[in-house]
N, C-alpha and C. Protein backbone atom coordinates (compact mmCIF):
# COMPACT_ATOMS: atom_id res chain seq x y z
N MET A 1 1.62 12.12 22.46
CA MET A 1 1.21 11.05 21.55
C MET A 1 2.42 10.20 21.19
N THR A 2 2.30 8.87 21.25
CA THR A 2 3.41 8.01 20.91
C THR A 2 3.55 7.91 19.41
N MET A 3 4.68 7.33 18.96
CA MET A 3 4.89 7.17 17.53
C MET A 3 3.80 6.32 16.91
N GLY A 4 3.37 5.27 17.63
CA GLY A 4 2.30 4.42 17.11
C GLY A 4 1.03 5.20 16.91
N ASP A 5 0.73 6.11 17.85
CA ASP A 5 -0.49 6.90 17.75
C ASP A 5 -0.45 7.85 16.56
N GLU A 6 0.75 8.27 16.15
CA GLU A 6 0.86 9.22 15.06
C GLU A 6 0.52 8.61 13.71
N LEU A 7 0.60 7.28 13.59
CA LEU A 7 0.41 6.64 12.30
C LEU A 7 -0.89 7.02 11.61
N PRO A 8 -2.05 6.88 12.26
CA PRO A 8 -3.27 7.18 11.53
C PRO A 8 -3.38 8.63 11.09
N VAL A 9 -3.01 9.55 11.96
CA VAL A 9 -3.15 10.96 11.59
C VAL A 9 -2.18 11.32 10.47
N THR A 10 -0.97 10.77 10.50
CA THR A 10 -0.02 11.09 9.45
C THR A 10 -0.46 10.50 8.11
N SER A 11 -1.04 9.31 8.14
CA SER A 11 -1.45 8.65 6.90
C SER A 11 -2.74 9.23 6.32
N LEU A 12 -3.52 9.92 7.14
CA LEU A 12 -4.82 10.42 6.69
C LEU A 12 -4.80 11.88 6.22
N VAL A 13 -3.71 12.59 6.49
CA VAL A 13 -3.66 13.99 6.05
C VAL A 13 -3.80 14.10 4.53
N LEU A 14 -3.14 13.21 3.79
CA LEU A 14 -3.21 13.28 2.32
C LEU A 14 -4.62 12.99 1.80
N PRO A 15 -5.27 11.86 2.15
CA PRO A 15 -6.60 11.59 1.59
C PRO A 15 -7.73 12.44 2.17
N VAL A 16 -7.61 12.84 3.43
CA VAL A 16 -8.72 13.54 4.08
C VAL A 16 -8.63 15.06 3.94
N LEU A 17 -7.41 15.59 3.91
CA LEU A 17 -7.24 17.04 3.87
C LEU A 17 -6.72 17.55 2.53
N ILE A 18 -5.59 17.02 2.08
CA ILE A 18 -4.92 17.61 0.92
C ILE A 18 -5.59 17.24 -0.40
N ARG A 19 -5.89 15.96 -0.62
CA ARG A 19 -6.51 15.58 -1.90
C ARG A 19 -7.85 16.28 -2.13
N PRO A 20 -8.72 16.40 -1.12
CA PRO A 20 -9.96 17.14 -1.35
C PRO A 20 -9.72 18.60 -1.76
N VAL A 21 -8.70 19.23 -1.17
CA VAL A 21 -8.37 20.60 -1.56
C VAL A 21 -7.93 20.64 -3.02
N LEU A 22 -7.12 19.67 -3.43
CA LEU A 22 -6.66 19.61 -4.81
C LEU A 22 -7.81 19.32 -5.77
N THR A 23 -8.79 18.55 -5.31
CA THR A 23 -9.98 18.30 -6.14
C THR A 23 -10.73 19.60 -6.40
N GLN A 24 -10.83 20.45 -5.39
CA GLN A 24 -11.47 21.75 -5.58
C GLN A 24 -10.66 22.64 -6.51
N LEU A 25 -9.33 22.52 -6.44
CA LEU A 25 -8.45 23.30 -7.30
C LEU A 25 -8.64 22.96 -8.78
N GLU A 26 -9.07 21.73 -9.06
CA GLU A 26 -9.26 21.30 -10.45
C GLU A 26 -10.23 22.20 -11.21
N LYS A 27 -11.16 22.81 -10.50
CA LYS A 27 -12.14 23.70 -11.14
C LYS A 27 -11.44 24.91 -11.77
N TYR A 28 -10.31 25.28 -11.20
CA TYR A 28 -9.63 26.50 -11.63
C TYR A 28 -8.39 26.22 -12.48
N ASP A 29 -7.67 25.13 -12.17
CA ASP A 29 -6.47 24.80 -12.93
C ASP A 29 -6.23 23.31 -12.83
N LEU A 30 -6.76 22.57 -13.79
CA LEU A 30 -6.69 21.10 -13.76
C LEU A 30 -5.24 20.62 -13.79
N GLY A 31 -4.44 21.23 -14.65
CA GLY A 31 -3.05 20.81 -14.79
C GLY A 31 -2.26 20.98 -13.51
N ALA A 32 -2.41 22.15 -12.88
CA ALA A 32 -1.70 22.41 -11.63
C ALA A 32 -2.14 21.45 -10.54
N SER A 33 -3.44 21.18 -10.46
CA SER A 33 -3.96 20.27 -9.45
C SER A 33 -3.39 18.87 -9.64
N GLN A 34 -3.38 18.39 -10.87
CA GLN A 34 -2.88 17.04 -11.14
C GLN A 34 -1.38 16.94 -10.87
N THR A 35 -0.65 18.01 -11.19
CA THR A 35 0.80 18.01 -10.93
C THR A 35 1.08 17.96 -9.44
N LEU A 36 0.36 18.78 -8.67
CA LEU A 36 0.53 18.78 -7.22
C LEU A 36 0.13 17.45 -6.61
N ARG A 37 -0.97 16.89 -7.08
CA ARG A 37 -1.45 15.61 -6.56
C ARG A 37 -0.39 14.52 -6.77
N ALA A 38 0.14 14.46 -7.99
CA ALA A 38 1.15 13.45 -8.31
C ALA A 38 2.41 13.64 -7.47
N ALA A 39 2.83 14.91 -7.34
CA ALA A 39 4.06 15.20 -6.60
C ALA A 39 3.91 14.86 -5.12
N LEU A 40 2.78 15.25 -4.52
CA LEU A 40 2.59 15.01 -3.09
C LEU A 40 2.35 13.53 -2.80
N THR A 41 1.67 12.83 -3.72
CA THR A 41 1.45 11.40 -3.55
C THR A 41 2.78 10.65 -3.63
N LYS A 42 3.62 11.04 -4.61
CA LYS A 42 4.94 10.41 -4.75
C LYS A 42 5.81 10.70 -3.53
N ALA A 43 5.76 11.94 -3.06
CA ALA A 43 6.55 12.32 -1.88
C ALA A 43 6.10 11.54 -0.65
N GLU A 44 4.80 11.36 -0.49
CA GLU A 44 4.26 10.63 0.66
C GLU A 44 4.71 9.17 0.62
N ALA A 45 4.73 8.60 -0.60
CA ALA A 45 5.17 7.20 -0.74
C ALA A 45 6.64 7.05 -0.38
N ALA A 46 7.43 8.07 -0.73
CA ALA A 46 8.87 8.02 -0.45
C ALA A 46 9.18 8.34 1.00
N VAL A 47 8.43 9.29 1.55
CA VAL A 47 8.65 9.73 2.94
C VAL A 47 7.30 9.75 3.66
N PRO A 48 6.83 8.61 4.18
CA PRO A 48 5.53 8.58 4.86
C PRO A 48 5.45 9.62 5.98
N GLY A 49 4.34 10.37 5.98
CA GLY A 49 4.16 11.40 7.00
C GLY A 49 4.60 12.78 6.55
N LEU A 50 5.15 12.88 5.33
CA LEU A 50 5.64 14.18 4.84
C LEU A 50 4.52 15.21 4.79
N ASN A 51 3.35 14.81 4.30
CA ASN A 51 2.25 15.77 4.19
C ASN A 51 1.76 16.22 5.56
N TYR A 52 1.80 15.30 6.52
CA TYR A 52 1.46 15.68 7.89
C TYR A 52 2.44 16.72 8.41
N ASP A 53 3.73 16.46 8.18
CA ASP A 53 4.76 17.40 8.64
C ASP A 53 4.58 18.77 7.99
N LEU A 54 4.19 18.77 6.72
CA LEU A 54 3.95 20.03 6.00
C LEU A 54 2.82 20.82 6.64
N VAL A 55 1.69 20.15 6.86
CA VAL A 55 0.52 20.82 7.44
C VAL A 55 0.80 21.25 8.88
N ALA A 56 1.42 20.35 9.66
CA ALA A 56 1.73 20.66 11.06
C ALA A 56 2.70 21.83 11.14
N GLY A 57 3.65 21.88 10.21
CA GLY A 57 4.60 22.99 10.19
C GLY A 57 3.94 24.32 9.91
N ILE A 58 2.98 24.32 8.98
CA ILE A 58 2.23 25.54 8.68
C ILE A 58 1.44 26.00 9.89
N MET A 59 0.82 25.03 10.58
CA MET A 59 0.03 25.36 11.77
C MET A 59 0.92 25.96 12.87
N ARG A 60 2.08 25.37 13.06
CA ARG A 60 2.99 25.89 14.09
C ARG A 60 3.47 27.29 13.71
N ARG A 61 3.80 27.47 12.43
CA ARG A 61 4.29 28.76 11.96
C ARG A 61 3.24 29.85 12.16
N ALA A 62 2.00 29.49 11.94
CA ALA A 62 0.90 30.45 12.09
C ALA A 62 0.42 30.54 13.54
N ASP A 63 1.00 29.70 14.41
CA ASP A 63 0.62 29.67 15.83
C ASP A 63 -0.87 29.39 15.99
N ILE A 64 -1.34 28.36 15.23
CA ILE A 64 -2.74 27.95 15.31
C ILE A 64 -2.82 26.64 16.09
N PRO A 65 -3.39 26.66 17.31
CA PRO A 65 -3.50 25.43 18.09
C PRO A 65 -4.63 24.54 17.55
N VAL A 66 -4.28 23.39 17.04
CA VAL A 66 -5.27 22.49 16.44
C VAL A 66 -5.02 21.07 16.92
N ASN A 67 -6.08 20.38 17.34
CA ASN A 67 -6.00 18.95 17.61
C ASN A 67 -6.21 18.24 16.28
N MET A 68 -5.12 17.77 15.67
CA MET A 68 -5.20 17.19 14.34
C MET A 68 -6.06 15.92 14.32
N ASN A 69 -6.04 15.16 15.40
CA ASN A 69 -6.85 13.95 15.45
C ASN A 69 -8.34 14.29 15.37
N GLU A 70 -8.76 15.23 16.19
CA GLU A 70 -10.16 15.66 16.18
C GLU A 70 -10.53 16.29 14.84
N SER A 71 -9.65 17.14 14.32
CA SER A 71 -9.93 17.86 13.08
C SER A 71 -10.08 16.92 11.89
N LEU A 72 -9.19 15.91 11.79
CA LEU A 72 -9.29 14.97 10.67
C LEU A 72 -10.54 14.11 10.78
N LEU A 73 -10.93 13.76 12.00
CA LEU A 73 -12.18 13.01 12.18
C LEU A 73 -13.36 13.82 11.65
N ARG A 74 -13.42 15.09 12.02
CA ARG A 74 -14.51 15.96 11.57
C ARG A 74 -14.48 16.10 10.04
N LEU A 75 -13.31 16.32 9.48
CA LEU A 75 -13.18 16.49 8.03
C LEU A 75 -13.62 15.24 7.28
N GLN A 76 -13.35 14.07 7.84
CA GLN A 76 -13.76 12.83 7.19
C GLN A 76 -15.25 12.83 6.89
N GLY A 77 -16.02 13.40 7.77
CA GLY A 77 -17.48 13.42 7.59
C GLY A 77 -17.95 14.41 6.55
N THR A 78 -17.09 15.32 6.10
CA THR A 78 -17.49 16.33 5.13
C THR A 78 -17.11 15.97 3.70
N LEU A 79 -16.36 14.89 3.52
CA LEU A 79 -15.87 14.55 2.18
C LEU A 79 -17.00 14.13 1.26
N THR A 80 -16.95 14.63 0.03
CA THR A 80 -17.92 14.24 -0.98
C THR A 80 -17.43 13.00 -1.72
N GLU A 81 -18.31 12.41 -2.52
CA GLU A 81 -17.94 11.22 -3.30
C GLU A 81 -16.78 11.53 -4.25
N THR A 82 -16.81 12.71 -4.85
CA THR A 82 -15.74 13.11 -5.77
C THR A 82 -14.41 13.22 -5.05
N GLU A 83 -14.44 13.75 -3.84
CA GLU A 83 -13.21 13.94 -3.07
C GLU A 83 -12.64 12.62 -2.55
N CYS A 84 -13.46 11.55 -2.59
CA CYS A 84 -13.01 10.23 -2.14
C CYS A 84 -12.76 9.30 -3.33
N ALA A 85 -12.67 9.85 -4.53
CA ALA A 85 -12.58 9.04 -5.74
C ALA A 85 -11.39 8.09 -5.72
N ASP A 86 -10.28 8.50 -5.11
CA ASP A 86 -9.08 7.66 -5.07
C ASP A 86 -9.33 6.35 -4.31
N LEU A 87 -10.32 6.35 -3.43
CA LEU A 87 -10.61 5.17 -2.62
C LEU A 87 -11.80 4.38 -3.13
N ARG A 88 -12.46 4.88 -4.15
CA ARG A 88 -13.70 4.25 -4.61
C ARG A 88 -13.40 3.06 -5.51
N LEU A 89 -14.08 1.95 -5.25
CA LEU A 89 -13.95 0.75 -6.08
C LEU A 89 -14.79 0.92 -7.34
N ASN A 90 -14.22 0.60 -8.49
CA ASN A 90 -14.88 0.87 -9.77
C ASN A 90 -15.61 -0.33 -10.36
N ARG A 91 -15.36 -1.51 -9.84
CA ARG A 91 -16.04 -2.69 -10.39
C ARG A 91 -17.53 -2.60 -10.11
N SER A 92 -18.33 -3.07 -11.07
CA SER A 92 -19.78 -2.87 -11.01
C SER A 92 -20.51 -3.94 -10.21
N GLU A 93 -19.85 -5.05 -9.90
CA GLU A 93 -20.54 -6.12 -9.16
C GLU A 93 -21.05 -5.59 -7.82
N GLU A 94 -22.18 -6.14 -7.40
CA GLU A 94 -22.84 -5.66 -6.18
C GLU A 94 -21.92 -5.74 -4.97
N ALA A 95 -21.10 -6.79 -4.89
CA ALA A 95 -20.22 -6.95 -3.73
C ALA A 95 -19.28 -5.77 -3.58
N PHE A 96 -18.74 -5.28 -4.69
CA PHE A 96 -17.80 -4.15 -4.63
C PHE A 96 -18.52 -2.85 -4.30
N GLN A 97 -19.71 -2.68 -4.85
CA GLN A 97 -20.47 -1.46 -4.55
C GLN A 97 -20.94 -1.45 -3.10
N GLU A 98 -21.25 -2.63 -2.57
CA GLU A 98 -21.63 -2.73 -1.16
C GLU A 98 -20.45 -2.37 -0.25
N LEU A 99 -19.25 -2.80 -0.64
CA LEU A 99 -18.08 -2.45 0.15
C LEU A 99 -17.84 -0.95 0.12
N ASN A 100 -18.07 -0.32 -1.02
CA ASN A 100 -18.01 1.14 -1.09
C ASN A 100 -18.96 1.77 -0.07
N LYS A 101 -20.19 1.29 -0.08
CA LYS A 101 -21.23 1.87 0.78
C LYS A 101 -20.92 1.64 2.26
N LYS A 102 -20.52 0.41 2.60
CA LYS A 102 -20.31 0.08 4.01
C LYS A 102 -19.08 0.80 4.57
N SER A 103 -18.05 0.95 3.76
CA SER A 103 -16.86 1.67 4.23
C SER A 103 -17.16 3.15 4.43
N THR A 104 -17.92 3.72 3.51
CA THR A 104 -18.32 5.12 3.64
C THR A 104 -19.18 5.32 4.88
N ALA A 105 -20.13 4.40 5.10
CA ALA A 105 -21.03 4.50 6.25
C ALA A 105 -20.26 4.47 7.56
N LEU A 106 -19.31 3.54 7.68
CA LEU A 106 -18.54 3.44 8.92
C LEU A 106 -17.74 4.71 9.17
N LYS A 107 -17.09 5.23 8.14
CA LYS A 107 -16.28 6.43 8.31
C LYS A 107 -17.14 7.64 8.66
N LYS A 108 -18.33 7.71 8.10
CA LYS A 108 -19.25 8.82 8.43
C LYS A 108 -19.65 8.78 9.90
N ILE A 109 -19.96 7.58 10.39
CA ILE A 109 -20.35 7.45 11.79
C ILE A 109 -19.18 7.83 12.71
N LEU A 110 -18.00 7.33 12.38
CA LEU A 110 -16.81 7.64 13.19
C LEU A 110 -16.54 9.15 13.21
N SER A 111 -16.83 9.82 12.11
CA SER A 111 -16.57 11.26 12.03
C SER A 111 -17.46 12.08 12.96
N ARG A 112 -18.55 11.47 13.45
CA ARG A 112 -19.45 12.17 14.37
C ARG A 112 -18.96 12.15 15.81
N ILE A 113 -17.96 11.34 16.10
CA ILE A 113 -17.51 11.17 17.49
C ILE A 113 -17.17 12.49 18.18
N PRO A 114 -16.39 13.40 17.55
CA PRO A 114 -16.05 14.63 18.28
C PRO A 114 -17.26 15.45 18.72
N ASP A 115 -18.33 15.41 17.94
CA ASP A 115 -19.53 16.17 18.30
C ASP A 115 -20.40 15.47 19.33
N GLU A 116 -20.28 14.15 19.43
CA GLU A 116 -21.22 13.40 20.26
C GLU A 116 -20.61 12.80 21.52
N ILE A 117 -19.29 12.83 21.63
CA ILE A 117 -18.64 12.11 22.71
C ILE A 117 -18.97 12.70 24.10
N THR A 118 -19.30 13.97 24.16
CA THR A 118 -19.58 14.59 25.46
C THR A 118 -21.02 14.38 25.92
N ASP A 119 -21.88 13.87 25.04
CA ASP A 119 -23.26 13.55 25.40
C ASP A 119 -23.36 12.04 25.57
N ARG A 120 -23.31 11.58 26.80
CA ARG A 120 -23.20 10.15 27.07
C ARG A 120 -24.30 9.33 26.40
N LYS A 121 -25.55 9.76 26.51
CA LYS A 121 -26.65 9.00 25.94
C LYS A 121 -26.51 8.89 24.42
N THR A 122 -26.23 10.02 23.77
CA THR A 122 -26.07 10.03 22.32
C THR A 122 -24.87 9.19 21.90
N PHE A 123 -23.78 9.32 22.65
CA PHE A 123 -22.56 8.61 22.30
C PHE A 123 -22.74 7.10 22.44
N LEU A 124 -23.48 6.66 23.43
CA LEU A 124 -23.74 5.22 23.58
C LEU A 124 -24.50 4.67 22.38
N GLU A 125 -25.43 5.46 21.85
CA GLU A 125 -26.15 5.06 20.64
C GLU A 125 -25.21 5.03 19.44
N THR A 126 -24.31 5.99 19.38
CA THR A 126 -23.34 6.03 18.29
C THR A 126 -22.43 4.81 18.33
N ILE A 127 -22.03 4.40 19.53
CA ILE A 127 -21.19 3.21 19.68
C ILE A 127 -21.89 1.98 19.12
N LYS A 128 -23.20 1.88 19.38
CA LYS A 128 -23.97 0.75 18.82
C LYS A 128 -23.97 0.80 17.29
N GLU A 129 -24.11 2.00 16.74
CA GLU A 129 -24.07 2.16 15.28
C GLU A 129 -22.72 1.75 14.72
N ILE A 130 -21.65 2.13 15.42
CA ILE A 130 -20.30 1.78 14.97
C ILE A 130 -20.12 0.26 14.96
N ALA A 131 -20.58 -0.40 16.02
CA ALA A 131 -20.45 -1.86 16.11
C ALA A 131 -21.18 -2.53 14.95
N SER A 132 -22.38 -2.05 14.65
CA SER A 132 -23.16 -2.59 13.54
C SER A 132 -22.47 -2.33 12.21
N ALA A 133 -21.92 -1.13 12.04
CA ALA A 133 -21.25 -0.76 10.79
C ALA A 133 -19.99 -1.59 10.58
N ILE A 134 -19.28 -1.89 11.66
CA ILE A 134 -18.07 -2.73 11.58
C ILE A 134 -18.45 -4.13 11.09
N LYS A 135 -19.51 -4.70 11.65
CA LYS A 135 -19.96 -6.04 11.24
C LYS A 135 -20.34 -6.05 9.76
N LYS A 136 -21.08 -5.02 9.34
CA LYS A 136 -21.52 -4.96 7.94
C LYS A 136 -20.33 -4.80 6.99
N LEU A 137 -19.32 -4.04 7.43
CA LEU A 137 -18.13 -3.88 6.60
C LEU A 137 -17.41 -5.22 6.45
N LEU A 138 -17.26 -5.95 7.55
CA LEU A 138 -16.58 -7.25 7.49
C LEU A 138 -17.35 -8.22 6.60
N ASP A 139 -18.67 -8.19 6.67
CA ASP A 139 -19.49 -9.04 5.78
C ASP A 139 -19.24 -8.67 4.32
N ALA A 140 -19.13 -7.37 4.05
CA ALA A 140 -18.89 -6.92 2.68
C ALA A 140 -17.51 -7.35 2.19
N VAL A 141 -16.52 -7.30 3.08
CA VAL A 141 -15.16 -7.75 2.72
C VAL A 141 -15.18 -9.24 2.38
N ASN A 142 -15.93 -10.02 3.15
CA ASN A 142 -16.03 -11.46 2.88
C ASN A 142 -16.62 -11.72 1.50
N GLU A 143 -17.61 -10.93 1.12
CA GLU A 143 -18.23 -11.09 -0.20
C GLU A 143 -17.23 -10.75 -1.31
N VAL A 144 -16.50 -9.68 -1.13
CA VAL A 144 -15.52 -9.26 -2.15
C VAL A 144 -14.40 -10.28 -2.28
N SER A 145 -14.03 -10.91 -1.18
CA SER A 145 -12.92 -11.86 -1.21
C SER A 145 -13.18 -13.02 -2.16
N THR A 146 -14.45 -13.33 -2.43
CA THR A 146 -14.79 -14.42 -3.36
C THR A 146 -14.42 -14.05 -4.80
N TYR A 147 -14.22 -12.77 -5.08
CA TYR A 147 -13.83 -12.32 -6.41
C TYR A 147 -12.32 -12.12 -6.53
N THR A 148 -11.62 -12.32 -5.43
CA THR A 148 -10.19 -12.00 -5.40
C THR A 148 -9.36 -13.26 -5.61
N PRO A 149 -8.44 -13.27 -6.58
CA PRO A 149 -7.62 -14.46 -6.84
C PRO A 149 -6.68 -14.78 -5.68
N GLY A 150 -6.18 -16.03 -5.67
CA GLY A 150 -5.40 -16.61 -4.58
C GLY A 150 -4.49 -15.72 -3.77
N PRO A 151 -3.37 -15.24 -4.34
CA PRO A 151 -2.44 -14.41 -3.56
C PRO A 151 -3.10 -13.13 -3.04
N GLY A 152 -3.95 -12.53 -3.87
CA GLY A 152 -4.64 -11.32 -3.46
C GLY A 152 -5.59 -11.58 -2.31
N LYS A 153 -6.22 -12.76 -2.30
CA LYS A 153 -7.14 -13.11 -1.22
C LYS A 153 -6.39 -13.22 0.11
N GLN A 154 -5.17 -13.76 0.07
CA GLN A 154 -4.38 -13.87 1.29
C GLN A 154 -4.03 -12.49 1.85
N VAL A 155 -3.68 -11.57 0.97
CA VAL A 155 -3.37 -10.20 1.41
C VAL A 155 -4.61 -9.55 2.00
N LEU A 156 -5.76 -9.75 1.35
CA LEU A 156 -7.01 -9.18 1.84
C LEU A 156 -7.39 -9.76 3.20
N GLU A 157 -7.15 -11.05 3.39
CA GLU A 157 -7.43 -11.69 4.68
C GLU A 157 -6.56 -11.07 5.77
N GLN A 158 -5.31 -10.78 5.43
CA GLN A 158 -4.42 -10.14 6.40
C GLN A 158 -4.93 -8.75 6.76
N ARG A 159 -5.40 -8.00 5.76
CA ARG A 159 -5.97 -6.67 6.01
C ARG A 159 -7.19 -6.79 6.92
N LYS A 160 -7.99 -7.81 6.68
CA LYS A 160 -9.20 -8.00 7.50
C LYS A 160 -8.81 -8.29 8.95
N ARG A 161 -7.78 -9.12 9.12
CA ARG A 161 -7.34 -9.43 10.49
C ARG A 161 -6.83 -8.16 11.20
N GLU A 162 -6.12 -7.33 10.46
CA GLU A 162 -5.64 -6.07 11.03
C GLU A 162 -6.82 -5.19 11.43
N PHE A 163 -7.83 -5.14 10.58
CA PHE A 163 -9.03 -4.35 10.87
C PHE A 163 -9.70 -4.85 12.15
N VAL A 164 -9.83 -6.16 12.28
CA VAL A 164 -10.46 -6.74 13.47
C VAL A 164 -9.64 -6.39 14.71
N LYS A 165 -8.32 -6.44 14.60
CA LYS A 165 -7.45 -6.10 15.73
C LYS A 165 -7.71 -4.67 16.20
N TYR A 166 -7.79 -3.74 15.25
CA TYR A 166 -8.00 -2.34 15.63
C TYR A 166 -9.44 -2.07 16.06
N SER A 167 -10.37 -2.90 15.61
CA SER A 167 -11.75 -2.80 16.10
C SER A 167 -11.81 -3.16 17.58
N LYS A 168 -11.09 -4.21 17.95
CA LYS A 168 -11.04 -4.62 19.36
C LYS A 168 -10.33 -3.55 20.19
N ARG A 169 -9.27 -2.98 19.63
CA ARG A 169 -8.55 -1.91 20.33
C ARG A 169 -9.47 -0.71 20.54
N PHE A 170 -10.30 -0.40 19.55
CA PHE A 170 -11.26 0.70 19.66
C PHE A 170 -12.22 0.43 20.81
N SER A 171 -12.71 -0.81 20.89
CA SER A 171 -13.64 -1.18 21.96
C SER A 171 -12.98 -1.02 23.33
N ASN A 172 -11.72 -1.44 23.44
CA ASN A 172 -11.01 -1.29 24.72
C ASN A 172 -10.77 0.18 25.06
N THR A 173 -10.50 0.98 24.03
CA THR A 173 -10.29 2.41 24.25
C THR A 173 -11.56 3.08 24.78
N LEU A 174 -12.69 2.64 24.27
CA LEU A 174 -13.97 3.18 24.75
C LEU A 174 -14.17 2.86 26.23
N LYS A 175 -13.83 1.64 26.62
CA LYS A 175 -13.95 1.26 28.03
C LYS A 175 -13.08 2.16 28.91
N GLU A 176 -11.87 2.41 28.44
CA GLU A 176 -10.96 3.29 29.18
C GLU A 176 -11.50 4.73 29.23
N TYR A 177 -12.11 5.16 28.12
CA TYR A 177 -12.66 6.52 28.08
C TYR A 177 -13.71 6.72 29.17
N PHE A 178 -14.59 5.74 29.34
CA PHE A 178 -15.65 5.88 30.33
C PHE A 178 -15.11 5.83 31.76
N LYS A 179 -13.88 5.33 31.92
CA LYS A 179 -13.25 5.35 33.24
C LYS A 179 -12.45 6.63 33.46
N GLU A 180 -11.72 7.07 32.40
CA GLU A 180 -10.75 8.14 32.59
C GLU A 180 -11.06 9.42 31.82
N GLY A 181 -11.97 9.34 30.82
CA GLY A 181 -12.40 10.55 30.12
C GLY A 181 -11.40 11.13 29.14
N GLN A 182 -10.49 10.30 28.59
CA GLN A 182 -9.49 10.79 27.64
C GLN A 182 -10.06 10.73 26.22
N ALA A 183 -10.67 11.83 25.78
CA ALA A 183 -11.33 11.86 24.48
C ALA A 183 -10.35 11.69 23.33
N ASN A 184 -9.16 12.26 23.46
CA ASN A 184 -8.20 12.20 22.35
C ASN A 184 -7.80 10.76 22.02
N ALA A 185 -7.75 9.91 23.04
CA ALA A 185 -7.44 8.50 22.79
C ALA A 185 -8.51 7.85 21.92
N VAL A 186 -9.76 8.27 22.12
CA VAL A 186 -10.86 7.75 21.29
C VAL A 186 -10.71 8.27 19.86
N PHE A 187 -10.35 9.54 19.71
CA PHE A 187 -10.14 10.10 18.37
C PHE A 187 -9.05 9.33 17.62
N VAL A 188 -7.94 9.06 18.31
CA VAL A 188 -6.83 8.34 17.69
C VAL A 188 -7.27 6.94 17.28
N SER A 189 -8.00 6.26 18.16
CA SER A 189 -8.44 4.90 17.87
C SER A 189 -9.42 4.88 16.70
N ALA A 190 -10.28 5.90 16.61
CA ALA A 190 -11.21 6.00 15.49
C ALA A 190 -10.45 6.23 14.18
N LEU A 191 -9.39 7.04 14.24
CA LEU A 191 -8.58 7.27 13.04
C LEU A 191 -7.88 5.99 12.60
N TYR A 192 -7.45 5.18 13.56
CA TYR A 192 -6.88 3.88 13.20
C TYR A 192 -7.90 3.05 12.41
N LEU A 193 -9.16 3.06 12.84
CA LEU A 193 -10.18 2.30 12.13
C LEU A 193 -10.40 2.84 10.72
N ILE A 194 -10.40 4.16 10.57
CA ILE A 194 -10.54 4.76 9.24
C ILE A 194 -9.35 4.37 8.37
N HIS A 195 -8.15 4.44 8.95
CA HIS A 195 -6.95 4.05 8.21
C HIS A 195 -7.02 2.59 7.76
N GLN A 196 -7.44 1.71 8.65
CA GLN A 196 -7.54 0.29 8.31
C GLN A 196 -8.62 0.05 7.24
N THR A 197 -9.70 0.81 7.32
CA THR A 197 -10.74 0.71 6.28
C THR A 197 -10.18 1.12 4.93
N ASN A 198 -9.41 2.20 4.91
CA ASN A 198 -8.78 2.65 3.66
C ASN A 198 -7.80 1.61 3.13
N GLN A 199 -7.08 0.97 4.04
CA GLN A 199 -6.12 -0.06 3.63
C GLN A 199 -6.83 -1.23 2.95
N ILE A 200 -7.99 -1.59 3.46
CA ILE A 200 -8.80 -2.64 2.82
C ILE A 200 -9.18 -2.22 1.40
N LEU A 201 -9.63 -0.98 1.25
CA LEU A 201 -10.05 -0.49 -0.07
C LEU A 201 -8.87 -0.44 -1.03
N TYR A 202 -7.73 0.05 -0.57
CA TYR A 202 -6.54 0.09 -1.42
C TYR A 202 -6.15 -1.33 -1.87
N THR A 203 -6.25 -2.28 -0.95
CA THR A 203 -5.89 -3.66 -1.27
C THR A 203 -6.84 -4.24 -2.30
N VAL A 204 -8.13 -4.02 -2.13
CA VAL A 204 -9.11 -4.53 -3.10
C VAL A 204 -8.87 -3.89 -4.46
N LYS A 205 -8.60 -2.59 -4.49
CA LYS A 205 -8.35 -1.91 -5.76
C LYS A 205 -7.12 -2.50 -6.48
N SER A 206 -6.08 -2.82 -5.71
CA SER A 206 -4.84 -3.30 -6.33
C SER A 206 -4.90 -4.79 -6.70
N LYS A 207 -5.73 -5.56 -5.99
CA LYS A 207 -5.73 -7.01 -6.21
C LYS A 207 -6.93 -7.51 -7.03
N SER A 208 -7.99 -6.69 -7.13
CA SER A 208 -9.22 -7.18 -7.76
C SER A 208 -9.68 -6.34 -8.94
N GLU A 209 -9.03 -5.18 -9.17
CA GLU A 209 -9.51 -4.32 -10.27
C GLU A 209 -8.50 -4.30 -11.40
């Protein structure tokens, strides 16, 4: 895997794997969970990929062979609303709630890829669902942008362009998959789309809430 390919998996370990675990820990020790969450979030901001290195190191130490790209895709589909609270938009306007729904829907569909990629007929239907979900997400972003003030709107537009770029890359990766059968490349490309979706949500939260 190239350094570029590592970006989505390294950036998603914290929201997809570690934060949900800490959310479960809150039931037993709220203070400890909040302290760990703050510490790991701060560490990730200072050293991007640190949480990935931590998890990967544990896996190597335990000699557990895991495809992290595939595993994070699967885990994305199991997250509850509470476990995704850090990414949830809190504004009550319909445009923001629609963006919540459309982003969740796209990520749920993408999370099914590891289970469906080996069944060509099913996977082709899933690809159609993904294309539709991408369009609906972009429509939702356009609606939210009308609530976003000038400088924030420019940042959001840049995020949208990045999302479109990785959507096209995902489409090209699918074409290559049907020629060469490299499933992991599809997993990586799907993680890029999830990462870009999260980036849109983070941007809206910081610029519009």
